């Protein structure tokens, strides 16, 4: 009789553990799915903002070229705008690079054989 009670307790424990595992798994899956959706939405919004900024920069470069073309030939204005954009890109690239760590100091070379403390 006692053995039957142990068997029933074991079945109940196994079933309960299975249900808890299933509930935890489903909850985690739902949370992960919601998190991924939020990240995708955020990434899409950042991509849209980047595209809008790119077009705004192109419009500003065009406006600068048109203003410069009032005083110099069109090809010269385009060349000036290209140079300004190139220098800006170079400065931004250099600012984005991590700073190089300082070289470690080299210890001085010994002048003679090591001495013993005796």
N, C-alpha and C. Protein backbone atom coordinates (compact mmCIF):
# COMPACT_ATOMS: atom_id res chain seq x y z
N UNK A 1 0.82 -1.19 0.00
CA UNK A 1 0.00 0.00 0.00
C UNK A 1 0.87 1.26 0.00
N UNK A 2 1.92 1.20 0.80
CA UNK A 2 2.82 2.35 0.89
C UNK A 2 3.51 2.61 -0.45
N UNK A 3 3.84 1.54 -1.15
CA UNK A 3 4.47 1.65 -2.46
C UNK A 3 3.55 2.34 -3.46
N UNK A 4 2.27 2.05 -3.37
CA UNK A 4 1.30 2.66 -4.28
C UNK A 4 1.23 4.16 -4.02
N UNK A 5 1.30 4.58 -2.77
CA UNK A 5 1.28 5.99 -2.42
C UNK A 5 2.50 6.72 -2.96
N UNK A 6 3.65 6.06 -2.87
CA UNK A 6 4.88 6.65 -3.41
C UNK A 6 4.77 6.81 -4.93
N UNK A 7 4.21 5.81 -5.57
CA UNK A 7 4.05 5.85 -7.03
C UNK A 7 3.12 7.00 -7.44
N UNK A 8 2.03 7.17 -6.70
CA UNK A 8 1.08 8.25 -7.00
C UNK A 8 1.74 9.60 -6.76
N UNK A 9 2.48 9.74 -5.66
CA UNK A 9 3.18 10.99 -5.37
C UNK A 9 4.19 11.31 -6.48
N UNK A 10 4.87 10.28 -6.95
CA UNK A 10 5.85 10.48 -8.02
C UNK A 10 5.18 10.94 -9.30
N UNK A 11 4.03 10.35 -9.63
CA UNK A 11 3.30 10.76 -10.84
C UNK A 11 2.81 12.20 -10.72
N UNK A 12 2.29 12.55 -9.54
CA UNK A 12 1.79 13.90 -9.32
C UNK A 12 2.94 14.90 -9.41
N UNK A 13 4.08 14.55 -8.81
CA UNK A 13 5.25 15.43 -8.85
C UNK A 13 5.74 15.62 -10.27
N UNK A 14 5.81 14.53 -11.03
CA UNK A 14 6.25 14.62 -12.43
C UNK A 14 5.30 15.48 -13.26
N UNK A 15 4.00 15.29 -13.06
CA UNK A 15 3.02 16.06 -13.82
C UNK A 15 3.10 17.55 -13.45
N UNK A 16 3.23 17.82 -12.15
CA UNK A 16 3.32 19.20 -11.69
C UNK A 16 4.58 19.86 -12.24
N UNK A 17 5.71 19.15 -12.20
CA UNK A 17 6.97 19.69 -12.74
C UNK A 17 6.83 19.95 -14.23
N UNK A 18 6.17 19.06 -14.93
CA UNK A 18 5.96 19.25 -16.37
C UNK A 18 5.11 20.48 -16.67
N UNK A 19 4.07 20.68 -15.87
CA UNK A 19 3.20 21.85 -16.08
C UNK A 19 3.95 23.15 -15.78
N UNK A 20 4.73 23.15 -14.69
CA UNK A 20 5.50 24.35 -14.33
C UNK A 20 6.52 24.65 -15.42
N UNK A 21 7.21 23.62 -15.90
CA UNK A 21 8.20 23.81 -16.96
C UNK A 21 7.54 24.37 -18.21
N UNK A 22 6.39 23.84 -18.56
CA UNK A 22 5.67 24.32 -19.75
C UNK A 22 5.24 25.78 -19.57
N UNK A 23 4.73 26.11 -18.38
CA UNK A 23 4.28 27.49 -18.13
C UNK A 23 5.46 28.46 -18.19
N UNK A 24 6.59 28.09 -17.60
CA UNK A 24 7.76 28.96 -17.63
C UNK A 24 8.26 29.13 -19.06
N UNK A 25 8.30 28.03 -19.80
CA UNK A 25 8.76 28.09 -21.19
C UNK A 25 7.87 29.01 -22.03
N UNK A 26 6.56 28.89 -21.87
CA UNK A 26 5.64 29.73 -22.64
C UNK A 26 5.76 31.20 -22.25
N UNK A 27 5.92 31.46 -20.96
CA UNK A 27 6.07 32.85 -20.50
C UNK A 27 7.34 33.47 -21.06
N UNK A 28 8.44 32.72 -20.99
CA UNK A 28 9.70 33.23 -21.54
C UNK A 28 9.60 33.46 -23.04
N UNK A 29 8.94 32.56 -23.75
CA UNK A 29 8.79 32.71 -25.19
C UNK A 29 7.99 33.98 -25.53
N UNK A 30 6.93 34.22 -24.78
CA UNK A 30 6.12 35.42 -25.02
C UNK A 30 6.92 36.69 -24.74
N UNK A 31 7.68 36.69 -23.63
CA UNK A 31 8.50 37.87 -23.30
C UNK A 31 9.57 38.10 -24.36
N UNK A 32 10.20 37.03 -24.79
CA UNK A 32 11.25 37.16 -25.81
C UNK A 32 10.68 37.69 -27.11
N UNK A 33 9.52 37.19 -27.51
CA UNK A 33 8.88 37.65 -28.74
C UNK A 33 8.53 39.13 -28.66
N UNK A 34 8.00 39.55 -27.52
CA UNK A 34 7.66 40.97 -27.35
C UNK A 34 8.92 41.83 -27.39
N UNK A 35 9.98 41.35 -26.78
CA UNK A 35 11.24 42.10 -26.77
C UNK A 35 11.81 42.23 -28.18
N UNK A 36 11.75 41.15 -28.96
CA UNK A 36 12.26 41.18 -30.33
C UNK A 36 11.45 42.15 -31.18
N UNK A 37 10.14 42.15 -30.99
CA UNK A 37 9.30 43.09 -31.75
C UNK A 37 9.67 44.53 -31.43
N UNK A 38 9.88 44.83 -30.15
CA UNK A 38 10.24 46.19 -29.75
C UNK A 38 11.60 46.58 -30.34
N UNK A 39 12.55 45.66 -30.36
CA UNK A 39 13.87 45.95 -30.94
C UNK A 39 13.77 46.18 -32.44
N UNK A 40 12.96 45.39 -33.12
CA UNK A 40 12.78 45.58 -34.57
C UNK A 40 12.16 46.94 -34.87
N UNK A 41 11.17 47.30 -34.08
CA UNK A 41 10.51 48.60 -34.29
C UNK A 41 11.52 49.73 -34.07
N UNK A 42 12.30 49.63 -33.01
CA UNK A 42 13.31 50.65 -32.72
C UNK A 42 14.34 50.72 -33.84
N UNK A 43 14.77 49.58 -34.34
CA UNK A 43 15.76 49.56 -35.42
C UNK A 43 15.17 50.17 -36.69
N UNK A 44 13.91 49.90 -36.96
CA UNK A 44 13.26 50.49 -38.14
C UNK A 44 13.17 52.00 -38.01
N UNK A 45 12.84 52.48 -36.83
CA UNK A 45 12.76 53.93 -36.63
C UNK A 45 14.13 54.58 -36.78
N UNK A 46 15.18 53.93 -36.25
CA UNK A 46 16.53 54.47 -36.41
C UNK A 46 16.94 54.49 -37.89
N UNK A 47 16.58 53.44 -38.62
CA UNK A 47 16.90 53.40 -40.05
C UNK A 47 16.18 54.52 -40.79
N UNK A 48 14.94 54.76 -40.45
CA UNK A 48 14.19 55.86 -41.07
C UNK A 48 14.81 57.21 -40.75
N UNK A 49 15.22 57.38 -39.50
CA UNK A 49 15.86 58.64 -39.11
C UNK A 49 17.19 58.82 -39.85
N UNK A 50 17.93 57.73 -40.03
CA UNK A 50 19.19 57.81 -40.76
C UNK A 50 18.97 58.18 -42.22
N UNK A 51 17.96 57.60 -42.84
CA UNK A 51 17.66 57.92 -44.23
C UNK A 51 17.25 59.38 -44.37
N UNK A 52 16.42 59.86 -43.44
CA UNK A 52 16.00 61.26 -43.49
C UNK A 52 17.20 62.20 -43.29
N UNK A 53 18.11 61.83 -42.38
CA UNK A 53 19.31 62.64 -42.16
C UNK A 53 20.20 62.65 -43.40
N UNK A 54 20.29 61.51 -44.08
CA UNK A 54 21.08 61.44 -45.30
C UNK A 54 20.52 62.39 -46.37
N UNK A 55 19.21 62.38 -46.55
CA UNK A 55 18.60 63.28 -47.53
C UNK A 55 18.73 64.74 -47.11
N UNK A 56 18.63 65.00 -45.82
CA UNK A 56 18.80 66.38 -45.34
C UNK A 56 20.23 66.86 -45.60
N UNK A 57 21.20 65.99 -45.38
CA UNK A 57 22.59 66.35 -45.67
C UNK A 57 22.81 66.59 -47.15
N UNK A 58 22.20 65.78 -47.99
CA UNK A 58 22.32 65.97 -49.43
C UNK A 58 21.70 67.31 -49.85
N UNK A 59 20.56 67.64 -49.27
CA UNK A 59 19.92 68.91 -49.59
C UNK A 59 20.78 70.09 -49.13
N UNK A 60 21.40 69.97 -47.96
CA UNK A 60 22.27 71.03 -47.47
C UNK A 60 23.50 71.18 -48.36
N UNK A 61 24.06 70.06 -48.81
CA UNK A 61 25.21 70.12 -49.72
C UNK A 61 24.82 70.75 -51.05
N UNK A 62 23.65 70.42 -51.54
CA UNK A 62 23.17 71.02 -52.78
C UNK A 62 22.98 72.53 -52.61
N UNK A 63 22.39 72.93 -51.49
CA UNK A 63 22.18 74.35 -51.25
C UNK A 63 23.52 75.09 -51.16
N UNK A 64 24.51 74.49 -50.48
CA UNK A 64 25.83 75.10 -50.40
C UNK A 64 26.44 75.24 -51.79
N UNK A 65 26.30 74.19 -52.60
CA UNK A 65 26.83 74.26 -53.97
C UNK A 65 26.16 75.34 -54.79
N UNK A 66 24.85 75.47 -54.63
CA UNK A 66 24.14 76.51 -55.39
C UNK A 66 24.56 77.90 -54.96
N UNK A 67 24.77 78.09 -53.67
CA UNK A 67 25.21 79.41 -53.18
C UNK A 67 26.60 79.71 -53.72
N UNK A 68 27.49 78.72 -53.65
CA UNK A 68 28.85 78.93 -54.15
C UNK A 68 28.88 79.17 -55.66
N UNK A 69 27.94 78.56 -56.37
CA UNK A 69 27.94 78.72 -57.83
C UNK A 69 27.55 80.13 -58.25
N UNK A 70 27.07 80.94 -57.32
CA UNK A 70 26.77 82.33 -57.66
C UNK A 70 28.05 83.13 -57.87
N UNK A 71 29.12 82.72 -57.18
CA UNK A 71 30.37 83.48 -57.27
C UNK A 71 31.45 82.78 -58.07
N UNK A 72 31.41 81.47 -58.17
CA UNK A 72 32.44 80.73 -58.91
C UNK A 72 31.75 79.79 -59.90
N UNK A 73 32.50 79.24 -60.84
CA UNK A 73 31.88 78.32 -61.81
C UNK A 73 31.24 77.11 -61.10
N UNK A 74 30.28 76.51 -61.77
CA UNK A 74 29.54 75.40 -61.19
C UNK A 74 30.47 74.24 -60.80
N UNK A 75 31.42 73.91 -61.67
CA UNK A 75 32.32 72.80 -61.37
C UNK A 75 33.18 73.10 -60.14
N UNK A 76 33.55 74.36 -59.97
CA UNK A 76 34.34 74.76 -58.80
C UNK A 76 33.52 74.65 -57.52
N UNK A 77 32.25 75.02 -57.60
CA UNK A 77 31.36 74.92 -56.43
C UNK A 77 31.19 73.46 -56.04
N UNK A 78 31.02 72.59 -57.04
CA UNK A 78 30.88 71.16 -56.76
C UNK A 78 32.16 70.61 -56.14
N UNK A 79 33.30 71.07 -56.62
CA UNK A 79 34.58 70.62 -56.09
C UNK A 79 34.77 71.06 -54.63
N UNK A 80 34.38 72.29 -54.33
CA UNK A 80 34.49 72.80 -52.95
C UNK A 80 33.58 72.00 -52.02
N UNK A 81 32.36 71.74 -52.45
CA UNK A 81 31.42 70.98 -51.62
C UNK A 81 31.95 69.56 -51.40
N UNK A 82 32.49 68.95 -52.45
CA UNK A 82 33.05 67.60 -52.31
C UNK A 82 34.22 67.59 -51.33
N UNK A 83 35.07 68.60 -51.39
CA UNK A 83 36.20 68.68 -50.47
C UNK A 83 35.73 68.86 -49.03
N UNK A 84 34.74 69.71 -48.82
CA UNK A 84 34.21 69.92 -47.46
C UNK A 84 33.61 68.63 -46.92
N UNK A 85 32.85 67.92 -47.75
CA UNK A 85 32.26 66.66 -47.31
C UNK A 85 33.33 65.61 -47.03
N UNK A 86 34.37 65.56 -47.85
CA UNK A 86 35.46 64.61 -47.63
C UNK A 86 36.19 64.86 -46.33
N UNK A 87 36.50 66.12 -46.05
CA UNK A 87 37.18 66.47 -44.80
C UNK A 87 36.27 66.15 -43.61
N UNK A 88 35.00 66.44 -43.74
CA UNK A 88 34.05 66.13 -42.66
C UNK A 88 34.01 64.63 -42.40
N UNK A 89 33.95 63.84 -43.47
CA UNK A 89 33.94 62.38 -43.30
C UNK A 89 35.21 61.89 -42.63
N UNK A 90 36.34 62.45 -43.00
CA UNK A 90 37.61 62.05 -42.39
C UNK A 90 37.63 62.40 -40.90
N UNK A 91 37.17 63.58 -40.55
CA UNK A 91 37.14 63.98 -39.14
C UNK A 91 36.20 63.10 -38.32
N UNK A 92 35.05 62.78 -38.90
CA UNK A 92 34.10 61.92 -38.18
C UNK A 92 34.65 60.51 -38.01
N UNK A 93 35.32 59.99 -39.04
CA UNK A 93 35.91 58.66 -38.94
C UNK A 93 36.98 58.63 -37.86
N UNK A 94 37.83 59.65 -37.83
CA UNK A 94 38.88 59.69 -36.81
C UNK A 94 38.30 59.85 -35.41
N UNK A 95 37.20 60.58 -35.28
CA UNK A 95 36.57 60.75 -33.97
C UNK A 95 35.92 59.45 -33.50
N UNK A 96 35.48 58.62 -34.44
CA UNK A 96 34.81 57.38 -34.09
C UNK A 96 35.78 56.28 -33.69
N UNK A 97 37.03 56.38 -34.10
CA UNK A 97 38.03 55.36 -33.77
C UNK A 97 38.37 55.45 -32.29
N UNK A 98 38.55 54.29 -31.65
CA UNK A 98 38.95 54.33 -30.25
C UNK A 98 40.39 54.83 -30.13
N UNK A 99 40.66 55.51 -29.04
CA UNK A 99 42.00 56.05 -28.82
C UNK A 99 42.98 54.90 -28.62
N UNK A 100 44.16 55.04 -29.18
CA UNK A 100 45.17 54.01 -29.03
C UNK A 100 45.76 54.11 -27.62
N UNK A 101 45.92 52.97 -26.96
CA UNK A 101 46.52 53.04 -25.62
C UNK A 101 47.99 53.43 -25.72
N UNK A 102 48.46 54.12 -24.70
CA UNK A 102 49.86 54.55 -24.68
C UNK A 102 50.76 53.32 -24.64
N UNK A 103 51.88 53.41 -25.33
CA UNK A 103 52.82 52.30 -25.35
C UNK A 103 53.39 52.11 -23.94
N UNK A 104 53.51 50.87 -23.52
CA UNK A 104 54.06 50.66 -22.17
C UNK A 104 55.51 51.09 -22.11
N UNK A 105 55.89 51.62 -20.97
CA UNK A 105 57.26 52.08 -20.80
C UNK A 105 58.19 50.86 -20.77
N UNK A 106 59.28 50.97 -21.49
CA UNK A 106 60.24 49.88 -21.54
C UNK A 106 61.19 50.03 -20.35
N UNK A 107 61.37 48.97 -19.56
CA UNK A 107 62.27 49.09 -18.41
C UNK A 107 63.71 49.27 -18.89
N UNK A 108 64.51 49.96 -18.12
CA UNK A 108 65.90 50.18 -18.56
C UNK A 108 66.68 48.87 -18.61
N UNK A 109 67.60 48.80 -19.54
CA UNK A 109 68.42 47.60 -19.70
C UNK A 109 69.47 47.57 -18.58
N UNK A 110 69.71 46.41 -17.99
CA UNK A 110 70.75 46.34 -16.95
C UNK A 110 72.12 46.55 -17.56
N UNK A 111 72.99 47.19 -16.80
CA UNK A 111 74.34 47.47 -17.31
C UNK A 111 75.33 46.37 -16.99
N UNK A 112 75.02 45.57 -16.00
CA UNK A 112 75.93 44.51 -15.63
C UNK A 112 75.19 43.26 -15.24
N UNK A 113 75.91 42.25 -14.79
CA UNK A 113 75.25 41.01 -14.36
C UNK A 113 74.45 41.25 -13.10
N UNK A 114 73.41 40.42 -12.87
CA UNK A 114 72.62 40.59 -11.66
C UNK A 114 73.46 40.34 -10.42
N UNK A 115 73.16 41.11 -9.41
CA UNK A 115 73.89 40.95 -8.15
C UNK A 115 73.06 40.15 -7.17
N UNK A 116 73.73 39.42 -6.34
CA UNK A 116 73.03 38.66 -5.31
C UNK A 116 73.02 39.47 -4.03
N UNK A 117 72.08 39.24 -3.22
CA UNK A 117 71.89 40.02 -2.00
C UNK A 117 72.83 39.61 -0.89
N UNK A 118 73.88 38.83 -1.11
CA UNK A 118 74.79 38.37 -0.04
C UNK A 118 75.84 39.32 0.31
